N, C-alpha and C. Protein backbone atom coordinates (compact mmCIF):
# COMPACT_ATOMS: atom_id res chain seq x y z
N MET A 1 0.86 -1.18 0.00
CA MET A 1 0.00 0.00 0.00
C MET A 1 0.90 1.24 0.00
N ASP A 2 0.63 2.20 -0.89
CA ASP A 2 1.42 3.42 -0.93
C ASP A 2 1.08 4.34 0.25
N GLY A 3 1.85 5.42 0.42
CA GLY A 3 1.66 6.33 1.55
C GLY A 3 0.26 6.91 1.63
N ILE A 4 -0.32 7.31 0.49
CA ILE A 4 -1.67 7.89 0.48
C ILE A 4 -2.69 6.84 0.89
N GLY A 5 -2.53 5.62 0.41
CA GLY A 5 -3.45 4.54 0.78
C GLY A 5 -3.43 4.26 2.27
N VAL A 6 -2.24 4.32 2.87
CA VAL A 6 -2.11 4.10 4.31
C VAL A 6 -2.84 5.20 5.07
N ILE A 7 -2.68 6.46 4.62
CA ILE A 7 -3.34 7.59 5.28
C ILE A 7 -4.85 7.44 5.19
N ILE A 8 -5.36 7.12 4.02
CA ILE A 8 -6.81 6.95 3.85
C ILE A 8 -7.32 5.81 4.74
N ALA A 9 -6.64 4.70 4.75
CA ALA A 9 -7.06 3.57 5.58
C ALA A 9 -7.01 3.93 7.06
N MET A 10 -6.00 4.72 7.45
CA MET A 10 -5.84 5.09 8.84
C MET A 10 -6.98 6.01 9.31
N PHE A 11 -7.47 6.88 8.43
CA PHE A 11 -8.49 7.85 8.83
C PHE A 11 -9.91 7.31 8.75
N THR A 12 -10.15 6.23 8.02
CA THR A 12 -11.49 5.67 7.98
C THR A 12 -11.70 4.89 9.27
N VAL A 13 -12.68 5.30 10.05
CA VAL A 13 -12.83 4.71 11.37
C VAL A 13 -13.91 3.65 11.41
N PHE A 14 -15.07 3.92 10.91
CA PHE A 14 -16.11 2.92 10.91
C PHE A 14 -17.23 3.33 9.98
N CYS A 15 -17.96 2.36 9.56
CA CYS A 15 -19.13 2.58 8.72
C CYS A 15 -20.25 1.74 9.31
N GLY A 16 -21.44 2.03 8.93
CA GLY A 16 -22.52 1.17 9.37
C GLY A 16 -23.79 1.93 9.60
N SER A 17 -24.78 1.19 9.96
CA SER A 17 -26.09 1.76 10.18
C SER A 17 -26.23 2.15 11.64
N ALA A 18 -26.71 3.35 11.86
CA ALA A 18 -26.88 3.85 13.22
C ALA A 18 -28.30 3.56 13.68
N HIS A 19 -28.52 2.37 14.19
CA HIS A 19 -29.84 2.01 14.71
C HIS A 19 -29.92 2.39 16.18
N ALA A 20 -31.12 2.59 16.67
CA ALA A 20 -31.32 3.04 18.05
C ALA A 20 -30.60 2.14 19.05
N SER A 21 -30.49 0.85 18.77
CA SER A 21 -29.87 -0.07 19.72
C SER A 21 -28.36 0.11 19.81
N ASP A 22 -27.71 0.68 18.78
CA ASP A 22 -26.26 0.84 18.83
C ASP A 22 -25.82 2.30 18.74
N LEU A 23 -26.76 3.23 18.89
CA LEU A 23 -26.45 4.66 18.85
C LEU A 23 -27.00 5.34 20.09
N TYR A 24 -26.14 6.11 20.76
CA TYR A 24 -26.56 6.92 21.89
C TYR A 24 -26.02 8.33 21.67
N ILE A 25 -26.91 9.31 21.58
CA ILE A 25 -26.51 10.70 21.40
C ILE A 25 -26.25 11.28 22.79
N LYS A 26 -25.03 11.76 23.03
CA LYS A 26 -24.68 12.34 24.33
C LYS A 26 -25.06 13.81 24.40
N ASP A 27 -24.77 14.56 23.34
CA ASP A 27 -25.09 15.99 23.27
C ASP A 27 -25.05 16.41 21.80
N GLY A 28 -24.90 17.68 21.53
CA GLY A 28 -24.99 18.15 20.15
C GLY A 28 -23.76 17.91 19.29
N ASP A 29 -22.68 17.42 19.88
CA ASP A 29 -21.50 17.13 19.06
C ASP A 29 -20.80 15.83 19.43
N SER A 30 -21.47 14.98 20.19
CA SER A 30 -20.85 13.70 20.51
C SER A 30 -21.90 12.61 20.69
N PHE A 31 -21.48 11.40 20.39
CA PHE A 31 -22.37 10.25 20.47
C PHE A 31 -21.54 8.99 20.63
N VAL A 32 -22.22 7.91 20.96
CA VAL A 32 -21.59 6.60 21.05
C VAL A 32 -22.25 5.72 19.99
N LEU A 33 -21.44 5.14 19.13
CA LEU A 33 -21.94 4.27 18.07
C LEU A 33 -21.19 2.95 18.16
N ASN A 34 -21.94 1.87 18.32
CA ASN A 34 -21.34 0.54 18.43
C ASN A 34 -20.26 0.50 19.51
N GLY A 35 -20.50 1.19 20.63
CA GLY A 35 -19.58 1.19 21.76
C GLY A 35 -18.41 2.15 21.64
N GLU A 36 -18.29 2.86 20.54
CA GLU A 36 -17.18 3.80 20.35
C GLU A 36 -17.69 5.23 20.51
N GLU A 37 -17.06 5.98 21.43
CA GLU A 37 -17.45 7.36 21.65
C GLU A 37 -16.82 8.26 20.59
N VAL A 38 -17.65 9.07 19.96
CA VAL A 38 -17.21 9.91 18.84
C VAL A 38 -17.56 11.36 19.13
N ARG A 39 -16.61 12.24 18.85
CA ARG A 39 -16.84 13.69 18.90
C ARG A 39 -16.70 14.22 17.49
N LEU A 40 -17.70 15.00 17.06
CA LEU A 40 -17.66 15.56 15.71
C LEU A 40 -16.51 16.55 15.59
N TRP A 41 -15.73 16.39 14.57
CA TRP A 41 -14.57 17.24 14.31
C TRP A 41 -15.00 18.64 13.85
N GLY A 42 -14.30 19.65 14.33
CA GLY A 42 -14.43 20.99 13.79
C GLY A 42 -15.64 21.79 14.22
N VAL A 43 -16.47 21.23 15.09
CA VAL A 43 -17.65 21.95 15.56
C VAL A 43 -17.70 21.93 17.07
N ASP A 44 -18.38 22.89 17.64
CA ASP A 44 -18.57 22.95 19.08
C ASP A 44 -20.03 23.29 19.32
N ALA A 45 -20.79 22.32 19.78
CA ALA A 45 -22.22 22.52 20.05
C ALA A 45 -22.41 23.08 21.44
N VAL A 46 -23.53 23.79 21.63
CA VAL A 46 -23.87 24.24 22.97
C VAL A 46 -23.96 23.01 23.86
N GLU A 47 -23.57 23.17 25.11
CA GLU A 47 -23.50 22.04 26.04
C GLU A 47 -24.89 21.59 26.47
N LEU A 48 -25.01 20.32 26.81
CA LEU A 48 -26.30 19.72 27.15
C LEU A 48 -27.02 20.48 28.26
N SER A 49 -26.30 20.95 29.27
CA SER A 49 -26.91 21.67 30.40
C SER A 49 -27.02 23.17 30.15
N GLN A 50 -26.61 23.63 28.98
CA GLN A 50 -26.56 25.05 28.69
C GLN A 50 -27.94 25.61 28.32
N PHE A 51 -28.20 26.82 28.81
CA PHE A 51 -29.41 27.55 28.45
C PHE A 51 -29.02 28.76 27.62
N CYS A 52 -29.87 29.14 26.69
CA CYS A 52 -29.68 30.32 25.86
C CYS A 52 -30.91 31.21 26.06
N GLN A 53 -30.90 32.39 25.45
CA GLN A 53 -32.04 33.28 25.57
C GLN A 53 -32.64 33.58 24.21
N LYS A 54 -33.96 33.60 24.19
CA LYS A 54 -34.71 33.96 22.99
C LYS A 54 -35.92 34.74 23.45
N SER A 55 -36.14 35.90 22.88
CA SER A 55 -37.26 36.77 23.27
C SER A 55 -37.25 37.06 24.76
N GLY A 56 -36.05 37.22 25.33
CA GLY A 56 -35.91 37.54 26.74
C GLY A 56 -36.14 36.38 27.69
N ARG A 57 -36.31 35.18 27.18
CA ARG A 57 -36.57 34.01 28.03
C ARG A 57 -35.48 32.96 27.84
N ASP A 58 -35.16 32.28 28.93
CA ASP A 58 -34.19 31.18 28.86
C ASP A 58 -34.86 29.95 28.25
N TYR A 59 -34.08 29.20 27.49
CA TYR A 59 -34.56 27.91 26.98
C TYR A 59 -33.38 26.93 26.95
N PRO A 60 -33.64 25.63 27.03
CA PRO A 60 -32.57 24.63 27.10
C PRO A 60 -31.96 24.34 25.72
N CYS A 61 -31.15 25.27 25.24
CA CYS A 61 -30.58 25.12 23.89
C CYS A 61 -29.69 23.88 23.77
N GLY A 62 -29.04 23.48 24.86
CA GLY A 62 -28.22 22.27 24.82
C GLY A 62 -29.04 21.03 24.52
N LYS A 63 -30.22 20.96 25.11
CA LYS A 63 -31.12 19.84 24.84
C LYS A 63 -31.65 19.91 23.41
N HIS A 64 -31.87 21.11 22.91
CA HIS A 64 -32.32 21.28 21.52
C HIS A 64 -31.24 20.78 20.56
N ALA A 65 -29.97 21.08 20.87
CA ALA A 65 -28.86 20.63 20.03
C ALA A 65 -28.79 19.10 20.01
N LYS A 66 -28.92 18.49 21.17
CA LYS A 66 -28.91 17.02 21.25
C LYS A 66 -30.06 16.44 20.44
N SER A 67 -31.25 16.99 20.59
CA SER A 67 -32.42 16.51 19.86
C SER A 67 -32.24 16.64 18.35
N TYR A 68 -31.63 17.75 17.93
CA TYR A 68 -31.43 17.95 16.50
C TYR A 68 -30.45 16.92 15.94
N LEU A 69 -29.38 16.63 16.69
CA LEU A 69 -28.42 15.62 16.24
C LEU A 69 -29.08 14.25 16.17
N LEU A 70 -29.91 13.91 17.16
CA LEU A 70 -30.63 12.64 17.14
C LEU A 70 -31.56 12.57 15.93
N HIS A 71 -32.30 13.64 15.68
CA HIS A 71 -33.19 13.70 14.52
C HIS A 71 -32.40 13.57 13.21
N LEU A 72 -31.27 14.23 13.16
CA LEU A 72 -30.44 14.23 11.95
C LEU A 72 -29.89 12.83 11.66
N ILE A 73 -29.32 12.21 12.65
CA ILE A 73 -28.72 10.89 12.44
C ILE A 73 -29.80 9.82 12.37
N GLY A 74 -30.76 9.88 13.32
CA GLY A 74 -31.86 8.92 13.32
C GLY A 74 -31.39 7.50 13.11
N SER A 75 -31.96 6.84 12.13
CA SER A 75 -31.55 5.46 11.81
C SER A 75 -30.85 5.43 10.45
N SER A 76 -30.21 6.53 10.09
CA SER A 76 -29.53 6.63 8.81
C SER A 76 -28.22 5.86 8.82
N ASP A 77 -27.73 5.55 7.64
CA ASP A 77 -26.39 4.98 7.52
C ASP A 77 -25.39 6.10 7.77
N LEU A 78 -24.55 5.92 8.73
CA LEU A 78 -23.60 6.94 9.15
C LEU A 78 -22.19 6.45 8.82
N ARG A 79 -21.43 7.29 8.16
CA ARG A 79 -20.03 6.98 7.82
C ARG A 79 -19.17 8.05 8.47
N CYS A 80 -18.15 7.62 9.21
CA CYS A 80 -17.28 8.57 9.89
C CYS A 80 -15.83 8.31 9.50
N GLU A 81 -15.09 9.40 9.42
CA GLU A 81 -13.67 9.34 9.09
C GLU A 81 -12.88 9.99 10.22
N ARG A 82 -11.94 9.24 10.74
CA ARG A 82 -11.12 9.72 11.87
C ARG A 82 -10.34 10.96 11.45
N MET A 83 -10.29 11.93 12.38
CA MET A 83 -9.55 13.17 12.17
C MET A 83 -8.58 13.35 13.34
N PRO A 84 -7.60 14.23 13.19
CA PRO A 84 -6.67 14.48 14.30
C PRO A 84 -7.42 14.99 15.53
N ALA A 85 -6.99 14.54 16.69
CA ALA A 85 -7.63 14.92 17.95
C ALA A 85 -6.65 15.73 18.81
N ALA A 86 -7.20 16.48 19.75
CA ALA A 86 -6.37 17.19 20.72
C ALA A 86 -5.62 16.17 21.57
N LYS A 87 -4.49 16.57 22.13
CA LYS A 87 -3.64 15.65 22.89
C LYS A 87 -4.38 14.94 24.02
N LYS A 88 -5.26 15.67 24.72
CA LYS A 88 -5.95 15.09 25.89
C LYS A 88 -7.28 14.44 25.52
N GLU A 89 -7.65 14.46 24.26
CA GLU A 89 -8.95 13.90 23.83
C GLU A 89 -8.93 12.38 23.95
N THR A 90 -9.92 11.83 24.63
CA THR A 90 -10.00 10.38 24.80
C THR A 90 -10.97 9.74 23.80
N ARG A 91 -11.81 10.56 23.19
CA ARG A 91 -12.80 10.05 22.23
C ARG A 91 -12.21 10.03 20.82
N THR A 92 -12.86 9.28 19.95
CA THR A 92 -12.53 9.34 18.54
C THR A 92 -13.07 10.66 18.01
N VAL A 93 -12.26 11.41 17.30
CA VAL A 93 -12.70 12.64 16.67
C VAL A 93 -12.86 12.32 15.19
N ALA A 94 -14.03 12.67 14.63
CA ALA A 94 -14.30 12.26 13.25
C ALA A 94 -15.23 13.22 12.54
N ARG A 95 -15.07 13.27 11.23
CA ARG A 95 -16.08 13.91 10.36
C ARG A 95 -17.04 12.79 10.00
N CYS A 96 -18.32 13.04 10.16
CA CYS A 96 -19.32 12.01 9.92
C CYS A 96 -20.27 12.46 8.82
N PHE A 97 -20.74 11.50 8.05
CA PHE A 97 -21.57 11.78 6.89
C PHE A 97 -22.77 10.85 6.84
N ILE A 98 -23.87 11.39 6.35
CA ILE A 98 -25.04 10.60 5.98
C ILE A 98 -25.15 10.81 4.47
N GLY A 99 -24.75 9.81 3.71
CA GLY A 99 -24.61 10.02 2.27
C GLY A 99 -23.56 11.08 2.05
N ASP A 100 -23.89 12.15 1.36
CA ASP A 100 -22.96 13.26 1.13
C ASP A 100 -23.12 14.37 2.17
N LEU A 101 -24.09 14.26 3.07
CA LEU A 101 -24.35 15.30 4.07
C LEU A 101 -23.33 15.22 5.19
N ASP A 102 -22.57 16.30 5.39
CA ASP A 102 -21.60 16.42 6.46
C ASP A 102 -22.38 16.77 7.73
N VAL A 103 -22.41 15.87 8.70
CA VAL A 103 -23.20 16.06 9.92
C VAL A 103 -22.74 17.30 10.69
N GLY A 104 -21.45 17.52 10.81
CA GLY A 104 -20.95 18.70 11.50
C GLY A 104 -21.40 19.98 10.82
N ARG A 105 -21.28 20.03 9.51
CA ARG A 105 -21.71 21.22 8.76
C ARG A 105 -23.20 21.47 8.97
N GLU A 106 -24.00 20.42 8.99
CA GLU A 106 -25.44 20.57 9.18
C GLU A 106 -25.76 21.08 10.59
N MET A 107 -25.03 20.62 11.61
CA MET A 107 -25.25 21.13 12.96
C MET A 107 -24.93 22.62 13.04
N VAL A 108 -23.88 23.05 12.35
CA VAL A 108 -23.51 24.47 12.33
C VAL A 108 -24.54 25.26 11.53
N ARG A 109 -24.92 24.77 10.36
CA ARG A 109 -25.88 25.45 9.50
C ARG A 109 -27.23 25.62 10.20
N ALA A 110 -27.62 24.62 11.00
CA ALA A 110 -28.88 24.68 11.72
C ALA A 110 -28.80 25.58 12.96
N GLY A 111 -27.58 25.99 13.32
CA GLY A 111 -27.41 26.90 14.44
C GLY A 111 -27.30 26.24 15.79
N TRP A 112 -27.06 24.94 15.85
CA TRP A 112 -26.93 24.26 17.14
C TRP A 112 -25.48 23.99 17.51
N ALA A 113 -24.56 24.36 16.61
CA ALA A 113 -23.13 24.27 16.88
C ALA A 113 -22.46 25.43 16.16
N ILE A 114 -21.24 25.72 16.57
CA ILE A 114 -20.47 26.77 15.91
C ILE A 114 -19.23 26.14 15.28
N ASP A 115 -18.64 26.86 14.35
CA ASP A 115 -17.38 26.45 13.75
C ASP A 115 -16.30 26.54 14.83
N TYR A 116 -15.68 25.42 15.15
CA TYR A 116 -14.65 25.39 16.19
C TYR A 116 -13.31 25.69 15.52
N ARG A 117 -13.09 26.98 15.26
CA ARG A 117 -11.97 27.44 14.42
C ARG A 117 -10.60 26.98 14.91
N TYR A 118 -10.45 26.78 16.20
CA TYR A 118 -9.16 26.32 16.73
C TYR A 118 -8.75 25.01 16.06
N PHE A 119 -9.74 24.14 15.82
CA PHE A 119 -9.46 22.85 15.19
C PHE A 119 -9.76 22.86 13.69
N SER A 120 -10.83 23.54 13.29
CA SER A 120 -11.27 23.47 11.89
C SER A 120 -10.55 24.46 10.98
N LYS A 121 -9.92 25.47 11.57
CA LYS A 121 -9.28 26.54 10.80
C LYS A 121 -10.27 27.22 9.86
N GLY A 122 -11.55 27.31 10.30
CA GLY A 122 -12.58 27.99 9.52
C GLY A 122 -13.29 27.13 8.51
N PHE A 123 -13.14 25.82 8.60
CA PHE A 123 -13.74 24.89 7.64
C PHE A 123 -15.26 25.07 7.55
N TYR A 124 -15.90 25.36 8.69
CA TYR A 124 -17.35 25.51 8.73
C TYR A 124 -17.80 26.97 8.87
N ALA A 125 -16.90 27.92 8.60
CA ALA A 125 -17.21 29.34 8.77
C ALA A 125 -18.37 29.78 7.89
N GLU A 126 -18.44 29.30 6.67
CA GLU A 126 -19.53 29.70 5.77
C GLU A 126 -20.88 29.23 6.31
N ALA A 127 -20.92 28.00 6.84
CA ALA A 127 -22.17 27.48 7.41
C ALA A 127 -22.56 28.30 8.64
N GLU A 128 -21.57 28.71 9.45
CA GLU A 128 -21.88 29.53 10.62
C GLU A 128 -22.41 30.90 10.21
N ASN A 129 -21.80 31.50 9.22
CA ASN A 129 -22.29 32.80 8.73
C ASN A 129 -23.72 32.69 8.23
N GLN A 130 -24.02 31.61 7.53
CA GLN A 130 -25.38 31.38 7.03
C GLN A 130 -26.36 31.25 8.20
N ALA A 131 -25.99 30.48 9.22
CA ALA A 131 -26.86 30.29 10.39
C ALA A 131 -27.09 31.62 11.10
N ARG A 132 -26.03 32.40 11.24
CA ARG A 132 -26.15 33.70 11.92
C ARG A 132 -27.07 34.63 11.14
N GLU A 133 -26.88 34.71 9.82
CA GLU A 133 -27.71 35.59 8.99
C GLU A 133 -29.18 35.17 8.99
N GLN A 134 -29.42 33.85 9.00
CA GLN A 134 -30.80 33.35 8.97
C GLN A 134 -31.39 33.20 10.37
N LYS A 135 -30.59 33.53 11.39
CA LYS A 135 -31.01 33.43 12.79
C LYS A 135 -31.50 32.02 13.13
N ASN A 136 -30.74 31.03 12.70
CA ASN A 136 -31.05 29.63 12.99
C ASN A 136 -30.55 29.26 14.38
N GLY A 137 -31.27 28.38 15.06
CA GLY A 137 -30.84 27.85 16.34
C GLY A 137 -30.50 28.93 17.35
N VAL A 138 -29.31 28.84 17.93
CA VAL A 138 -28.89 29.78 18.97
C VAL A 138 -28.75 31.21 18.46
N TRP A 139 -28.60 31.37 17.17
CA TRP A 139 -28.44 32.71 16.59
C TRP A 139 -29.74 33.50 16.60
N GLU A 140 -30.85 32.86 16.96
CA GLU A 140 -32.13 33.55 17.05
C GLU A 140 -32.17 34.48 18.27
N GLY A 141 -31.31 34.21 19.23
CA GLY A 141 -31.30 35.03 20.44
C GLY A 141 -29.88 35.26 20.91
N ARG A 142 -29.67 35.08 22.21
CA ARG A 142 -28.36 35.28 22.82
C ARG A 142 -27.88 33.97 23.42
N PHE A 143 -26.56 33.75 23.32
CA PHE A 143 -25.98 32.55 23.92
C PHE A 143 -24.52 32.81 24.24
N GLN A 144 -24.00 31.99 25.13
CA GLN A 144 -22.59 32.05 25.48
C GLN A 144 -21.86 31.01 24.62
N GLN A 145 -20.72 31.37 24.07
CA GLN A 145 -19.93 30.42 23.29
C GLN A 145 -19.72 29.16 24.15
N PRO A 146 -19.89 27.97 23.57
CA PRO A 146 -19.78 26.74 24.36
C PRO A 146 -18.47 26.63 25.15
N ARG A 147 -17.36 27.02 24.55
CA ARG A 147 -16.08 26.94 25.25
C ARG A 147 -16.08 27.82 26.49
N ASN A 148 -16.61 29.04 26.37
CA ASN A 148 -16.70 29.94 27.52
C ASN A 148 -17.67 29.41 28.56
N TRP A 149 -18.77 28.81 28.11
CA TRP A 149 -19.74 28.25 29.04
C TRP A 149 -19.09 27.12 29.86
N ARG A 150 -18.29 26.27 29.19
CA ARG A 150 -17.61 25.18 29.91
C ARG A 150 -16.66 25.73 30.96
N LYS A 151 -15.96 26.80 30.65
CA LYS A 151 -15.04 27.40 31.62
C LYS A 151 -15.79 27.94 32.83
N SER A 152 -16.98 28.50 32.61
CA SER A 152 -17.80 29.06 33.70
C SER A 152 -18.55 27.99 34.47
N ASN A 153 -18.71 26.81 33.89
CA ASN A 153 -19.50 25.73 34.48
C ASN A 153 -18.72 24.42 34.40
N PRO A 154 -17.59 24.32 35.13
CA PRO A 154 -16.69 23.16 34.95
C PRO A 154 -17.26 21.82 35.40
N TYR A 155 -18.31 21.81 36.20
CA TYR A 155 -18.81 20.54 36.72
C TYR A 155 -20.14 20.12 36.12
N LYS A 156 -20.59 20.80 35.06
CA LYS A 156 -21.88 20.47 34.48
C LYS A 156 -21.69 19.72 33.20
């Protein structure tokens, strides 16, 4: 196998059907599939316990993000490709697809995640701009960036 073939084989992590019995959605950017914990590469979803504001009222945007990811993946065939992870990351980091649909891009476009520029280098910036302009998801009101929310709420 040539060098490119080795790289491609190394980054393909798993394929298969995501049925309810082998899929557990943890939050808006992570799930467990067939016993393997996966974090979507390049995106940062609002945290499960996080609340946002819309029309002056708090709402559980983290739960909305989780629900949207569950709805998106559902029982579809999910294909994921391993991506580089942070040094302390214990989960598999991957770009995941349903057919040609990039799940991370769809979470950002729907407004339930943001482009995690530190890792993505702006890969999902266009989808985030679209979500912001269309006031999708969290962009409809006010929210704290997920990374900042985690720093303020280390035990949630």
